Amino acid sequence: MSWRHAVMLAAVLLSGTAAAAEPPPPTRQPPPQQRAPAPRDTAPELSAEDKEVVENLELLESLDTVEDLDLLLELAREEEGANER
């Protein structure tokens, strides 16, 4: 290796370590007065009936499932009766 190659290699290595040692540029944040305001809770006020539905939603969903199961059982019984004839 010639001395020119050695100098070029040293220059490349030094420039790489100098670039790695530099901190990244700071990210620019807008001033506090220019930031978008926090979103407000714009949900309408619930009526007493709506509040009751929300409170009992799980029960209502399970009742709907039970009704579906009852319908399936009824259809299965009718099918069994038709097959026995």
Protein backbone atom coordinates (compact mmCIF):
# COMPACT_ATOMS: atom_id res chain seq x y z
CA MET A 1 0.00 0.00 0.00
CA SER A 2 1.41 3.35 -0.98
CA TRP A 3 1.52 6.32 1.35
CA ARG A 4 -1.17 8.03 -0.77
CA HIS A 5 -3.55 5.14 -0.20
CA ALA A 6 -2.80 5.23 3.52
CA VAL A 7 -3.50 8.98 3.70
CA MET A 8 -6.76 8.60 1.77
CA LEU A 9 -7.84 5.71 4.02
CA ALA A 10 -7.05 7.73 7.14
CA ALA A 11 -8.98 10.72 5.77
CA VAL A 12 -12.03 8.55 5.04
CA LEU A 13 -11.90 6.92 8.46
CA LEU A 14 -11.54 10.26 10.24
CA SER A 15 -14.39 11.86 8.31
CA GLY A 16 -16.64 8.90 9.10
CA THR A 17 -15.94 9.05 12.82
CA ALA A 18 -16.38 12.83 12.87
CA ALA A 19 -19.76 12.52 11.16
CA ALA A 20 -20.82 9.82 13.59
CA ALA A 21 -19.82 11.98 16.56
CA GLU A 22 -22.01 14.90 15.46
CA PRO A 23 -25.40 15.01 17.18
CA PRO A 24 -28.43 14.87 14.93
CA PRO A 25 -30.03 18.21 14.09
CA PRO A 26 -32.79 19.17 16.52
CA THR A 27 -36.35 18.61 15.35
CA ARG A 28 -38.31 21.79 15.04
CA GLN A 29 -41.38 22.04 17.27
CA PRO A 30 -43.97 24.75 16.68
CA PRO A 31 -44.32 27.28 19.49
CA PRO A 32 -47.00 26.40 22.06
CA GLN A 33 -49.40 29.09 20.86
CA GLN A 34 -49.40 27.61 17.32
CA ARG A 35 -50.22 24.03 18.32
CA ALA A 36 -53.66 22.73 17.49
CA PRO A 37 -56.07 22.81 20.44
CA ALA A 38 -56.96 19.53 22.07
CA PRO A 39 -60.17 18.01 20.69
CA ARG A 40 -63.20 18.64 22.85
CA ASP A 41 -65.62 15.97 23.93
CA THR A 42 -68.56 16.76 21.67
CA ALA A 43 -70.70 13.75 22.55
CA PRO A 44 -74.33 14.73 23.00
CA GLU A 45 -75.94 14.33 26.40
CA LEU A 46 -77.60 10.91 26.70
CA SER A 47 -81.23 10.58 27.66
CA ALA A 48 -82.22 8.38 30.61
CA GLU A 49 -83.32 5.65 28.20
CA ASP A 50 -80.01 5.80 26.32
CA LYS A 51 -78.05 5.59 29.57
CA GLU A 52 -80.04 2.51 30.57
CA VAL A 53 -79.30 0.85 27.22
CA VAL A 54 -75.58 1.58 27.55
CA GLU A 55 -75.52 0.22 31.11
CA ASN A 56 -77.34 -2.97 30.10
CA LEU A 57 -75.74 -3.50 26.70
CA GLU A 58 -74.09 -6.78 27.64
CA LEU A 59 -77.38 -8.16 28.96
CA LEU A 60 -79.20 -7.07 25.80
CA GLU A 61 -76.58 -8.74 23.59
CA SER A 62 -76.86 -12.00 25.54
CA LEU A 63 -80.67 -11.86 25.25
CA ASP A 64 -80.31 -11.49 21.48
CA THR A 65 -78.04 -14.56 21.43
CA VAL A 66 -80.55 -16.54 23.50
CA GLU A 67 -83.34 -15.63 21.08
CA ASP A 68 -81.19 -16.87 18.19
CA LEU A 69 -80.51 -20.14 20.01
CA ASP A 70 -84.21 -20.60 20.77
CA LEU A 71 -85.04 -20.14 17.10
CA LEU A 72 -82.37 -22.68 16.09
CA LEU A 73 -83.70 -25.21 18.63
CA GLU A 74 -87.24 -24.72 17.37
CA LEU A 75 -86.14 -25.25 13.77
CA ALA A 76 -84.19 -28.37 14.77
CA ARG A 77 -87.29 -29.81 16.51
CA GLU A 78 -89.43 -29.15 13.44
CA GLU A 79 -86.82 -30.83 11.25
CA GLU A 80 -86.70 -33.88 13.54
CA GLY A 81 -90.50 -34.13 13.48
CA ALA A 82 -90.51 -33.98 9.69
CA ASN A 83 -87.86 -36.72 9.47
CA GLU A 84 -89.80 -39.08 11.79
CA ARG A 85 -92.89 -39.10 9.57
